[in-house]
Amino acid sequence: MSVSSDNQPLDNLESFFNRVVLGNGYIGSYYRMVKVFADIMQRNNIEFFAHSGTMLGCVRHRGIIPWDDDVDVMVEECFEERLAACIPDFEAHGICLKKDCLNGLYQFYTTSKTNKDICPADLYLQIDVFIGRREVIDGELVLHYKSEYFKKSFPKRYIEVADLYPLREYQFGPLKIMGIGNYEGYFSRSGFKTDEAIVMRHMNFDHFLPEIEVLKAQGVYPIREPKYLHWRHEIPLEDVDLNIVEKPPENAGKKIVLTYGTFDLFHVGHVNILKRLRAMGDALYVGISSDEFNAGKGKKSFYSFEERKQILLASKYVDYVFPEHTWEQKAEDIVKYNIAVFGMGDDWRGKFDELSSLCEVVYLDRTENISTTDVKNALSGISKEKIKNLEESLHSSLELVLNLAASVGGKKI
């Protein structure tokens, strides 16, 4: 029988796995940190997505890789200024930014001052935020590291923009986070595998190396046994849903209007109906279809949920945006947000009359000769290659679209 470096018996893969996997307390703290991180990013309209080992964890384990000791995400360069501006929001929860980070890298970590609801045991946790910069490689528009160090270290770890968008929602333990829409090309270039696993860790890893050599000799490493290959920590949602941030605005005593929609390919019809709805009250709340909900309806948006949310919030007519996950949530939302008026386009006339027992229900005439469906139908005859180029152009011009939406309402972003 083999013996590990700290005199623990090592006679099979199970004993090794049980020793290398991180505890629920550690991983639970990570999910709480990610929850707070995601809430702050969403509140500041900063789009991020899972990257590197965290993206692999989303696919292979539907959560953090059991032995991983950091979280990796990427943010497009167009959002970097906003990211820097919200650092005080992180620090308010004791999540600090490392000093002297590489250009193009933001490393947020926990300290003894971190909110104990997030990390009760003074653990060191770290979220690496890589800034992604657009460039052309082999004729393809890609997102690569802004950091020259990481670009040289991982020259093939770039993502084709056509594969990245629209972002896809992934299960991440008890949470859901956005990740790469089509990850196969990225994984292939990066050497990430979903059918086998190697154990890597940034800290306290060297003492496992002799044990790994034993496992290799036994023919069980890299790990391919499904029991361990797809293992995940079972952390309940109630343990991480802290509700620290991302609350609707204070609107006590105000008349709040509510509407729903996908709001893809933002156009003048959207502007007109939002303007009219906002004029009916003091605040306008909008429930927009999540990417997952759209998929269930057999629909696909050009823009992701977060992008559509940013575009709506750029206009002065919209005060608060939240995801619509099911058809049935409307009555619950009306009560939850103390809604006075529920409004929809007249193509829904009569479909929501049952909600009139909870609030006033109105149906508004739509702008003639314009709808997202009409736009998409017009595009349906275009070749797949041209559609691909159009999607790339839409995402490349997102910042322009945001500023155009802001100019409608005179709001600065």
Protein backbone atom coordinates (compact mmCIF):
# COMPACT_ATOMS: atom_id res chain seq x y z
CA MET A 1 0.00 0.00 0.00
CA SER A 2 1.29 3.49 -0.88
CA VAL A 3 1.41 6.25 1.70
CA SER A 4 0.83 9.96 1.05
CA SER A 5 3.25 12.71 2.08
CA ASP A 6 1.36 13.28 5.34
CA ASN A 7 1.14 9.55 6.17
CA GLN A 8 -2.41 9.02 4.94
CA PRO A 9 -3.01 5.71 3.11
CA LEU A 10 -3.26 6.07 -0.67
CA ASP A 11 -4.41 2.88 -2.31
CA ASN A 12 -7.02 4.13 -4.75
CA LEU A 13 -8.48 7.16 -6.51
CA GLU A 14 -11.24 7.57 -3.93
CA SER A 15 -8.84 8.18 -1.05
CA PHE A 16 -6.96 10.77 -3.14
CA PHE A 17 -10.16 12.52 -4.23
CA ASN A 18 -11.50 12.73 -0.69
CA ARG A 19 -8.30 14.44 0.39
CA VAL A 20 -7.94 16.88 -2.50
CA VAL A 21 -11.55 18.05 -2.71
CA LEU A 22 -12.22 21.32 -0.88
CA GLY A 23 -14.73 21.44 1.96
CA ASN A 24 -18.31 22.68 1.76
CA GLY A 25 -17.51 25.62 4.05
CA TYR A 26 -14.80 26.85 1.71
CA ILE A 27 -16.85 26.37 -1.45
CA GLY A 28 -19.99 27.80 0.16
CA SER A 29 -18.06 30.97 0.98
CA TYR A 30 -16.94 31.15 -2.64
CA TYR A 31 -20.52 30.95 -3.89
CA ARG A 32 -21.55 33.70 -1.47
CA MET A 33 -18.68 35.87 -2.70
CA VAL A 34 -19.67 35.21 -6.33
CA LYS A 35 -23.30 36.06 -5.51
CA VAL A 36 -22.29 39.44 -4.06
CA PHE A 37 -19.85 40.02 -6.93
CA ALA A 38 -22.55 39.27 -9.52
CA ASP A 39 -25.11 41.50 -7.79
CA ILE A 40 -22.71 44.44 -7.74
CA MET A 41 -21.75 43.90 -11.38
CA GLN A 42 -25.39 43.73 -12.45
CA ARG A 43 -26.33 46.79 -10.43
CA ASN A 44 -23.58 48.71 -12.24
CA ASN A 45 -24.57 47.28 -15.65
CA ILE A 46 -21.27 45.46 -16.18
CA GLU A 47 -21.46 42.29 -18.24
CA PHE A 48 -19.14 39.45 -17.23
CA PHE A 49 -18.90 35.78 -18.09
CA ALA A 50 -17.18 32.65 -16.77
CA HIS A 51 -13.66 32.12 -18.09
CA SER A 52 -10.78 29.61 -17.81
CA GLY A 53 -11.23 27.01 -15.07
CA THR A 54 -14.53 28.52 -13.94
CA MET A 55 -15.97 28.05 -17.43
CA LEU A 56 -14.76 24.44 -17.39
CA GLY A 57 -16.38 24.00 -13.98
CA CYS A 58 -19.70 25.31 -15.32
CA VAL A 59 -19.69 22.67 -18.06
CA ARG A 60 -18.10 19.66 -16.36
CA HIS A 61 -19.30 20.04 -12.74
CA ARG A 62 -22.15 22.55 -13.05
CA GLY A 63 -20.31 24.54 -10.42
CA ILE A 64 -16.84 25.23 -9.07
CA ILE A 65 -14.30 22.51 -9.89
CA PRO A 66 -14.15 20.58 -6.58
CA TRP A 67 -10.45 21.34 -5.99
CA ASP A 68 -10.27 24.83 -7.56
CA ASP A 69 -9.19 27.67 -5.27
CA ASP A 70 -10.13 30.74 -7.30
CA VAL A 71 -12.84 32.00 -9.66
CA ASP A 72 -12.08 33.34 -13.16
CA VAL A 73 -14.31 35.67 -15.16
CA MET A 74 -13.80 38.02 -18.10
CA VAL A 75 -15.14 41.52 -18.79
CA GLU A 76 -14.96 43.21 -22.19
CA GLU A 77 -12.70 46.26 -22.30
CA CYS A 78 -15.67 48.57 -22.99
CA PHE A 79 -16.84 47.90 -19.40
CA GLU A 80 -13.47 48.41 -17.70
CA GLU A 81 -14.10 52.03 -16.73
CA ARG A 82 -17.35 51.06 -14.99
CA LEU A 83 -15.60 48.17 -13.25
CA ALA A 84 -12.97 50.52 -11.83
CA ALA A 85 -15.69 52.94 -10.72
CA CYS A 86 -17.53 50.31 -8.65
CA ILE A 87 -14.49 49.16 -6.64
CA PRO A 88 -15.85 51.06 -3.59
CA ASP A 89 -19.00 48.89 -3.81
CA PHE A 90 -16.86 45.77 -3.37
CA GLU A 91 -14.82 47.34 -0.59
CA ALA A 92 -18.03 48.20 1.27
CA HIS A 93 -18.42 44.43 1.78
CA GLY A 94 -14.74 43.92 2.63
CA ILE A 95 -13.92 42.51 -0.81
CA CYS A 96 -10.69 44.27 -1.71
CA LEU A 97 -8.77 44.88 -4.91
CA LYS A 98 -5.18 43.66 -4.96
CA LYS A 99 -2.64 46.42 -5.44
CA ASP A 100 -0.13 46.32 -8.27
CA CYS A 101 -2.18 43.99 -10.46
CA LEU A 102 -1.09 43.43 -14.04
CA ASN A 103 -2.62 45.75 -16.61
CA GLY A 104 -5.81 44.06 -17.75
CA LEU A 105 -6.31 42.07 -14.53
CA TYR A 106 -8.40 42.90 -11.46
CA GLN A 107 -8.01 40.53 -8.50
CA PHE A 108 -10.63 40.82 -5.77
CA TYR A 109 -9.96 38.98 -2.51
CA THR A 110 -11.34 38.49 0.97
CA THR A 111 -9.70 39.77 4.16
CA SER A 112 -10.42 39.63 7.87
CA LYS A 113 -12.71 42.64 7.28
CA THR A 114 -14.91 40.84 4.76
CA ASN A 115 -18.60 40.69 5.67
CA LYS A 116 -19.02 37.57 7.84
CA ASP A 117 -22.22 36.69 6.03
CA ILE A 118 -20.02 36.12 2.98
CA CYS A 119 -16.98 34.51 4.53
CA PRO A 120 -17.46 33.60 8.21
CA ALA A 121 -14.14 31.78 8.68
CA ASP A 122 -11.58 34.39 7.48
CA LEU A 123 -10.72 32.31 4.43
CA TYR A 124 -8.67 33.72 1.56
CA LEU A 125 -10.82 33.73 -1.57
CA GLN A 126 -10.01 35.37 -4.88
CA ILE A 127 -11.92 36.33 -8.04
CA ASP A 128 -9.72 37.08 -11.06
CA VAL A 129 -11.38 39.49 -13.50
CA PHE A 130 -9.60 39.41 -16.85
CA ILE A 131 -10.20 42.29 -19.24
CA GLY A 132 -10.92 41.06 -22.76
CA ARG A 133 -9.76 43.04 -25.77
CA ARG A 134 -11.08 42.57 -29.31
CA GLU A 135 -8.65 41.80 -32.10
CA VAL A 136 -8.55 39.86 -35.35
CA ILE A 137 -6.74 36.51 -35.46
CA ASP A 138 -6.66 34.44 -38.66
CA GLY A 139 -9.41 36.61 -40.09
CA GLU A 140 -11.75 36.10 -37.10
CA LEU A 141 -12.88 38.73 -34.61
CA VAL A 142 -11.88 37.38 -31.19
CA LEU A 143 -11.72 38.37 -27.56
CA HIS A 144 -8.23 37.87 -26.10
CA TYR A 145 -6.51 38.93 -22.91
CA LYS A 146 -5.77 42.64 -22.68
CA SER A 147 -2.83 41.68 -20.46
CA GLU A 148 0.28 41.10 -22.58
CA TYR A 149 1.58 38.69 -19.93
CA PHE A 150 -1.44 36.40 -20.16
CA LYS A 151 -1.63 36.74 -23.94
CA LYS A 152 1.98 35.52 -24.24
CA SER A 153 1.44 32.81 -21.62
CA PHE A 154 -1.77 31.53 -23.24
CA PRO A 155 -1.60 32.62 -26.91
CA LYS A 156 -4.42 30.30 -28.03
CA ARG A 157 -6.80 31.00 -25.14
CA TYR A 158 -8.96 33.45 -27.07
CA ILE A 159 -12.68 33.29 -27.84
CA GLU A 160 -14.20 33.95 -31.23
CA VAL A 161 -16.84 36.64 -30.77
CA ALA A 162 -19.27 34.63 -32.89
CA ASP A 163 -18.90 31.76 -30.37
CA LEU A 164 -19.04 34.01 -27.32
CA TYR A 165 -22.38 35.72 -28.02
CA PRO A 166 -25.14 35.44 -27.19
CA LEU A 167 -23.93 34.53 -23.73
CA ARG A 168 -25.49 31.42 -22.23
CA GLU A 169 -26.75 30.92 -18.69
CA TYR A 170 -25.06 28.07 -16.80
CA GLN A 171 -25.80 26.40 -13.51
CA PHE A 172 -23.02 27.31 -11.09
CA GLY A 173 -23.67 25.35 -7.91
CA PRO A 174 -26.76 26.97 -6.36
CA LEU A 175 -26.35 30.05 -8.60
CA LYS A 176 -26.64 30.77 -12.30
CA ILE A 177 -24.00 32.78 -14.14
CA MET A 178 -23.37 33.71 -17.75
CA GLY A 179 -20.77 31.91 -19.79
CA ILE A 180 -19.54 31.38 -23.35
CA GLY A 181 -22.36 30.63 -25.78
CA ASN A 182 -20.43 27.97 -27.72
CA TYR A 183 -17.38 26.90 -25.72
CA GLU A 184 -16.10 23.99 -27.87
CA GLY A 185 -13.55 25.94 -29.93
CA TYR A 186 -12.32 27.81 -26.86
CA PHE A 187 -11.92 24.57 -24.88
CA SER A 188 -10.11 22.85 -27.75
CA ARG A 189 -7.56 25.66 -28.16
CA SER A 190 -7.11 26.03 -24.39
CA GLY A 191 -6.64 22.33 -23.65
CA PHE A 192 -9.70 22.15 -21.39
CA LYS A 193 -11.28 18.70 -21.42
CA THR A 194 -14.73 17.62 -20.32
CA ASP A 195 -14.00 13.87 -20.51
CA GLU A 196 -11.00 13.83 -18.15
CA ALA A 197 -9.68 15.94 -15.30
CA ILE A 198 -6.31 16.86 -13.89
CA VAL A 199 -6.00 18.28 -10.39
CA MET A 200 -4.56 21.79 -10.28
CA ARG A 201 -4.49 24.37 -7.52
CA HIS A 202 -2.78 27.72 -7.13
CA MET A 203 -1.81 27.25 -3.47
CA ASN A 204 -0.69 24.29 -1.32
CA PHE A 205 -0.51 21.94 -4.28
CA ASP A 206 3.05 20.59 -4.47
CA HIS A 207 2.55 17.97 -1.78
CA PHE A 208 -0.04 16.25 -4.01
CA LEU A 209 2.43 15.73 -6.86
CA PRO A 210 3.99 12.46 -5.53
CA GLU A 211 0.49 11.05 -5.04
CA ILE A 212 -0.48 11.97 -8.58
CA GLU A 213 2.54 10.02 -9.86
CA VAL A 214 1.25 6.96 -7.98
CA LEU A 215 -2.21 7.38 -9.54
CA LYS A 216 -0.63 7.67 -12.99
CA ALA A 217 1.20 4.40 -12.39
CA GLN A 218 -2.13 2.82 -11.43
CA GLY A 219 -3.65 4.05 -14.69
CA VAL A 220 -6.39 6.12 -13.01
CA TYR A 221 -4.98 9.60 -13.65
CA PRO A 222 -6.00 11.82 -15.42
CA ILE A 223 -9.36 11.24 -13.76
CA ARG A 224 -11.95 9.70 -16.07
CA GLU A 225 -14.16 7.96 -13.55
CA PRO A 226 -17.60 9.68 -13.92
CA LYS A 227 -18.17 9.52 -10.16
CA TYR A 228 -15.33 12.03 -9.66
CA LEU A 229 -15.16 13.62 -13.09
CA HIS A 230 -18.59 15.26 -12.67
CA TRP A 231 -18.68 15.55 -8.88
CA ARG A 232 -20.06 18.79 -7.45
CA HIS A 233 -20.56 20.36 -4.04
CA GLU A 234 -24.19 20.39 -2.98
CA ILE A 235 -24.62 23.87 -1.50
CA PRO A 236 -28.27 24.95 -0.97
CA LEU A 237 -29.41 28.24 -2.46
CA GLU A 238 -30.56 29.58 0.91
CA ASP A 239 -26.94 29.39 2.10
CA VAL A 240 -25.76 31.86 -0.54
CA ASP A 241 -28.78 34.09 -1.32
CA LEU A 242 -27.76 36.93 0.99
CA ASN A 243 -29.80 39.74 -0.60
CA ILE A 244 -27.00 42.17 0.25
CA VAL A 245 -27.41 44.22 -2.94
CA GLU A 246 -29.61 44.46 -6.03
CA LYS A 247 -32.78 45.77 -4.50
CA PRO A 248 -35.41 47.69 -6.44
CA PRO A 249 -35.28 51.48 -6.01
CA GLU A 250 -37.12 53.10 -3.14
CA ASN A 251 -40.53 54.01 -4.56
CA ALA A 252 -42.71 54.20 -1.44
CA GLY A 253 -45.91 56.09 -2.17
CA LYS A 254 -45.19 56.23 -5.90
CA LYS A 255 -47.41 54.94 -8.70
CA ILE A 256 -45.44 52.12 -10.33
CA VAL A 257 -46.14 50.83 -13.84
CA LEU A 258 -45.05 47.34 -14.95
CA THR A 259 -44.56 45.76 -18.36
CA TYR A 260 -42.84 42.69 -19.82
CA GLY A 261 -41.09 41.79 -23.04
CA THR A 262 -37.94 40.53 -24.72
CA PHE A 263 -36.85 43.98 -25.97
CA ASP A 264 -34.37 42.62 -28.48
CA LEU A 265 -33.10 44.78 -31.37
CA PHE A 266 -34.21 47.97 -29.61
CA HIS A 267 -36.24 50.18 -31.98
CA VAL A 268 -38.60 53.17 -32.08
CA GLY A 269 -41.60 50.97 -31.26
CA HIS A 270 -39.95 50.08 -27.95
CA VAL A 271 -39.20 53.74 -27.25
CA ASN A 272 -42.80 54.77 -27.91
CA ILE A 273 -44.43 52.16 -25.69
CA LEU A 274 -41.94 52.72 -22.84
CA LYS A 275 -42.50 56.47 -23.03
CA ARG A 276 -46.29 56.08 -22.88
CA LEU A 277 -46.14 53.58 -20.01
CA ARG A 278 -43.77 55.77 -18.01
CA ALA A 279 -46.18 58.71 -18.41
CA MET A 280 -48.85 56.67 -16.59
CA GLY A 281 -46.99 56.68 -13.29
CA ASP A 282 -43.96 57.75 -11.31
CA ALA A 283 -41.72 54.77 -12.13
CA LEU A 284 -41.57 52.05 -14.80
CA TYR A 285 -40.47 48.51 -14.01
CA VAL A 286 -39.71 46.10 -16.86
CA GLY A 287 -39.53 42.32 -16.68
CA ILE A 288 -37.44 41.09 -19.61
CA SER A 289 -37.30 37.48 -20.73
CA SER A 290 -34.21 35.67 -19.52
CA ASP A 291 -32.13 33.86 -22.14
CA GLU A 292 -33.18 30.55 -20.58
CA PHE A 293 -36.89 31.52 -20.74
CA ASN A 294 -36.48 32.53 -24.38
CA ALA A 295 -34.90 29.18 -25.18
CA GLY A 296 -37.88 27.42 -23.59
CA LYS A 297 -40.15 29.39 -25.92
CA GLY A 298 -38.04 28.42 -28.93
CA LYS A 299 -36.70 31.97 -29.29
CA LYS A 300 -33.15 33.29 -29.53
CA SER A 301 -32.23 36.93 -28.95
CA PHE A 302 -29.45 38.74 -30.77
CA TYR A 303 -28.57 40.45 -27.48
CA SER A 304 -28.13 38.59 -24.18
CA PHE A 305 -30.26 39.31 -21.13
CA GLU A 306 -27.59 41.54 -19.59
CA GLU A 307 -27.13 43.50 -22.81
CA ARG A 308 -30.89 44.03 -23.21
CA LYS A 309 -31.06 45.11 -19.57
CA GLN A 310 -28.29 47.68 -20.08
CA ILE A 311 -30.00 49.12 -23.15
CA LEU A 312 -33.32 49.57 -21.31
CA LEU A 313 -31.70 51.13 -18.25
CA ALA A 314 -29.86 53.61 -20.47
CA SER A 315 -33.20 55.30 -21.21
CA LYS A 316 -34.80 57.66 -18.69
CA TYR A 317 -38.14 55.92 -19.16
CA VAL A 318 -37.08 52.73 -17.35
CA ASP A 319 -36.35 52.75 -13.61
CA TYR A 320 -35.80 49.08 -12.82
CA VAL A 321 -35.27 45.87 -14.81
CA PHE A 322 -35.57 42.28 -13.57
CA PRO A 323 -35.65 38.86 -15.30
CA GLU A 324 -38.83 37.09 -16.36
CA HIS A 325 -38.32 33.36 -15.85
CA THR A 326 -41.88 32.02 -16.27
CA TRP A 327 -45.24 33.03 -17.73
CA GLU A 328 -46.82 32.60 -14.30
CA GLN A 329 -44.71 35.07 -12.28
CA LYS A 330 -46.64 38.22 -13.25
CA ALA A 331 -49.20 38.09 -10.43
CA GLU A 332 -46.42 37.50 -7.89
CA ASP A 333 -44.42 40.42 -9.29
CA ILE A 334 -47.42 42.77 -9.12
CA VAL A 335 -47.77 42.07 -5.41
CA LYS A 336 -44.02 42.02 -4.74
CA TYR A 337 -43.39 45.43 -6.34
CA ASN A 338 -46.71 47.05 -5.33
CA ILE A 339 -47.67 47.67 -8.95
CA ALA A 340 -50.47 50.15 -9.75
CA VAL A 341 -50.66 49.71 -13.54
CA PHE A 342 -49.83 46.68 -15.68
CA GLY A 343 -49.39 47.56 -19.36
CA MET A 344 -48.75 45.56 -22.53
CA GLY A 345 -49.02 46.06 -26.30
CA ASP A 346 -52.44 45.57 -27.86
CA ASP A 347 -51.39 42.27 -29.47
CA TRP A 348 -51.85 40.87 -25.94
CA ARG A 349 -55.32 42.38 -25.55
CA GLY A 350 -57.49 40.28 -23.23
CA LYS A 351 -54.67 37.87 -22.31
CA PHE A 352 -54.02 39.40 -18.87
CA ASP A 353 -57.48 40.60 -17.84
CA GLU A 354 -57.39 38.28 -14.81
CA LEU A 355 -54.69 40.53 -13.30
CA SER A 356 -57.20 43.39 -13.05
CA SER A 357 -58.11 42.16 -9.57
CA LEU A 358 -54.57 43.13 -8.49
CA CYS A 359 -54.02 46.39 -10.40
CA GLU A 360 -55.19 48.40 -13.41
CA VAL A 361 -54.53 46.57 -16.69
CA VAL A 362 -54.04 48.53 -19.93
CA TYR A 363 -53.25 47.56 -23.53
CA LEU A 364 -51.50 50.12 -25.72
CA ASP A 365 -51.52 50.39 -29.49
CA ARG A 366 -48.19 49.46 -31.00
CA THR A 367 -46.24 51.66 -33.40
CA GLU A 368 -47.33 50.77 -36.92
CA ASN A 369 -45.00 49.05 -39.37
CA ILE A 370 -42.30 48.18 -36.81
CA SER A 371 -41.75 45.18 -34.52
CA THR A 372 -38.85 42.97 -33.54
CA THR A 373 -40.62 40.01 -35.16
CA ASP A 374 -40.87 41.90 -38.45
CA VAL A 375 -37.16 42.75 -38.28
CA LYS A 376 -36.22 39.13 -37.61
CA ASN A 377 -38.54 37.86 -40.35
CA ALA A 378 -36.85 40.25 -42.76
CA LEU A 379 -33.51 38.78 -41.71
CA SER A 380 -34.67 35.17 -42.05
CA GLY A 381 -33.74 35.00 -45.73
CA ILE A 382 -30.18 36.16 -45.12
CA SER A 383 -27.41 33.56 -45.25
CA LYS A 384 -25.99 32.14 -42.03
CA GLU A 385 -22.64 33.76 -42.76
CA LYS A 386 -24.22 37.20 -43.06
CA ILE A 387 -26.25 36.61 -39.88
CA LYS A 388 -22.99 35.71 -38.13
CA ASN A 389 -21.41 38.95 -39.33
CA LEU A 390 -24.48 40.89 -38.23
CA GLU A 391 -24.33 39.41 -34.72
CA GLU A 392 -20.67 40.37 -34.47
CA SER A 393 -21.52 43.90 -35.58
CA LEU A 394 -24.34 44.18 -33.04
CA HIS A 395 -22.06 43.23 -30.16
CA SER A 396 -19.24 45.40 -31.46
CA SER A 397 -21.61 48.37 -31.48
CA LEU A 398 -23.21 47.72 -28.08
CA GLU A 399 -21.61 50.80 -26.54
CA LEU A 400 -23.00 52.88 -29.43
CA VAL A 401 -26.47 51.39 -28.90
CA LEU A 402 -26.28 52.20 -25.18
CA ASN A 403 -25.41 55.80 -25.90
CA LEU A 404 -28.18 56.08 -28.47
CA ALA A 405 -30.67 54.71 -25.94
CA ALA A 406 -29.35 57.16 -23.36
CA SER A 407 -29.72 60.06 -25.77
CA VAL A 408 -33.43 59.21 -26.09
CA GLY A 409 -33.93 60.02 -22.44
CA GLY A 410 -31.05 62.39 -21.86
CA LYS A 411 -29.45 59.98 -19.38
CA LYS A 412 -25.65 59.69 -19.03
CA ILE A 413 -24.05 56.26 -18.78
